[in-house]
């Protein structure tokens, strides 16, 4: 249990770090959407198994 909490906390720190680095470069992406994208990409690295790619529709919305 302790290891899982430690991994979760590390994942949250990494998502926050990458959000800070990328937010200014990707102003068209909503902050919450960016969090979801980063979480899904980094999750596998920190013990998760779900990994999916997103694409941008013509109206600017990102979808799976």
C-alpha atoms as a PDB file:
ATOM      1  CA  UNK A   1       0.000   0.000   0.000  1.00  0.00           C
ATOM      2  CA  UNK A   2       2.765   2.406   0.914  1.00  0.00           C
ATOM      3  CA  UNK A   3       4.511   1.809  -2.416  1.00  0.00           C
ATOM      4  CA  UNK A   4       1.294   2.589  -4.321  1.00  0.00           C
ATOM      5  CA  UNK A   5       0.846   5.866  -2.446  1.00  0.00           C
ATOM      6  CA  UNK A   6       4.441   6.804  -3.141  1.00  0.00           C
ATOM      7  CA  UNK A   7       3.996   6.048  -6.853  1.00  0.00           C
ATOM      8  CA  UNK A   8       0.768   8.073  -6.974  1.00  0.00           C
ATOM      9  CA  UNK A   9       2.413  11.053  -5.326  1.00  0.00           C
ATOM     10  CA  UNK A  10       5.328  10.868  -7.727  1.00  0.00           C
ATOM     11  CA  UNK A  11       2.928  10.710 -10.679  1.00  0.00           C
ATOM     12  CA  UNK A  12       1.105  13.802  -9.418  1.00  0.00           C
ATOM     13  CA  UNK A  13       4.401  15.688  -9.105  1.00  0.00           C
ATOM     14  CA  UNK A  14       5.430  14.690 -12.624  1.00  0.00           C
ATOM     15  CA  UNK A  15       2.073  15.741 -14.108  1.00  0.00           C
ATOM     16  CA  UNK A  16       2.357  19.116 -12.356  1.00  0.00           C
ATOM     17  CA  UNK A  17       5.926  19.564 -13.576  1.00  0.00           C
ATOM     18  CA  UNK A  18       5.066  18.745 -17.187  1.00  0.00           C
ATOM     19  CA  UNK A  19       1.897  20.879 -17.055  1.00  0.00           C
ATOM     20  CA  UNK A  20       3.979  23.850 -15.984  1.00  0.00           C
ATOM     21  CA  UNK A  21       6.458  23.241 -18.817  1.00  0.00           C
ATOM     22  CA  UNK A  22       3.869  22.697 -21.559  1.00  0.00           C
ATOM     23  CA  UNK A  23       0.976  25.011 -20.674  1.00  0.00           C
ATOM     24  CA  UNK A  24       2.601  28.108 -22.176  1.00  0.00           C
ATOM     25  CA  UNK A  25       3.506  26.217 -25.358  1.00  0.00           C
ATOM     26  CA  UNK A  26       0.013  24.761 -25.801  1.00  0.00           C
ATOM     27  CA  UNK A  27      -2.400  27.619 -25.022  1.00  0.00           C
ATOM     28  CA  UNK A  28      -5.218  26.083 -27.117  1.00  0.00           C
ATOM     29  CA  UNK A  29      -5.480  23.053 -24.833  1.00  0.00           C
ATOM     30  CA  UNK A  30      -7.684  23.430 -21.773  1.00  0.00           C
ATOM     31  CA  UNK A  31      -5.747  23.012 -18.512  1.00  0.00           C
ATOM     32  CA  UNK A  32      -7.912  20.075 -17.418  1.00  0.00           C
ATOM     33  CA  UNK A  33      -7.506  18.383 -20.811  1.00  0.00           C
ATOM     34  CA  UNK A  34      -3.746  18.844 -20.584  1.00  0.00           C
ATOM     35  CA  UNK A  35      -3.784  17.211 -17.144  1.00  0.00           C
ATOM     36  CA  UNK A  36      -5.693  14.220 -18.547  1.00  0.00           C
ATOM     37  CA  UNK A  37      -3.315  13.895 -21.494  1.00  0.00           C
ATOM     38  CA  UNK A  38      -0.232  14.064 -19.286  1.00  0.00           C
ATOM     39  CA  UNK A  39      -1.719  11.720 -16.706  1.00  0.00           C
ATOM     40  CA  UNK A  40      -2.532   9.124 -19.357  1.00  0.00           C
ATOM     41  CA  UNK A  41       0.934   9.341 -20.912  1.00  0.00           C
ATOM     42  CA  UNK A  42       2.866   9.291 -17.631  1.00  0.00           C
ATOM     43  CA  UNK A  43       0.666   6.769 -15.820  1.00  0.00           C
ATOM     44  CA  UNK A  44       2.178   3.766 -17.565  1.00  0.00           C
ATOM     45  CA  UNK A  45       5.647   4.868 -16.504  1.00  0.00           C
ATOM     46  CA  UNK A  46       4.577   4.936 -12.860  1.00  0.00           C
ATOM     47  CA  UNK A  47       2.748   1.621 -12.647  1.00  0.00           C
ATOM     48  CA  UNK A  48      -0.481   2.118 -14.577  1.00  0.00           C
ATOM     49  CA  UNK A  49      -1.579   0.088 -17.570  1.00  0.00           C
ATOM     50  CA  UNK A  50      -3.978   2.305 -19.511  1.00  0.00           C
ATOM     51  CA  UNK A  51      -2.373   4.124 -22.425  1.00  0.00           C
ATOM     52  CA  UNK A  52      -4.223   5.853 -25.212  1.00  0.00           C
ATOM     53  CA  UNK A  53      -3.548   8.427 -27.889  1.00  0.00           C
ATOM     54  CA  UNK A  54      -5.560  11.538 -28.586  1.00  0.00           C
ATOM     55  CA  UNK A  55      -6.262  13.370 -31.796  1.00  0.00           C
ATOM     56  CA  UNK A  56      -7.570  16.842 -32.426  1.00  0.00           C
ATOM     57  CA  UNK A  57     -10.883  17.305 -34.235  1.00  0.00           C
ATOM     58  CA  UNK A  58     -11.540  20.186 -36.612  1.00  0.00           C
ATOM     59  CA  UNK A  59     -13.402  22.073 -33.881  1.00  0.00           C
ATOM     60  CA  UNK A  60     -10.300  21.956 -31.666  1.00  0.00           C
ATOM     61  CA  UNK A  61     -11.482  19.307 -29.211  1.00  0.00           C
ATOM     62  CA  UNK A  62      -9.162  16.410 -28.409  1.00  0.00           C
ATOM     63  CA  UNK A  63     -10.715  12.923 -28.497  1.00  0.00           C
ATOM     64  CA  UNK A  64      -9.586   9.320 -27.984  1.00  0.00           C
END
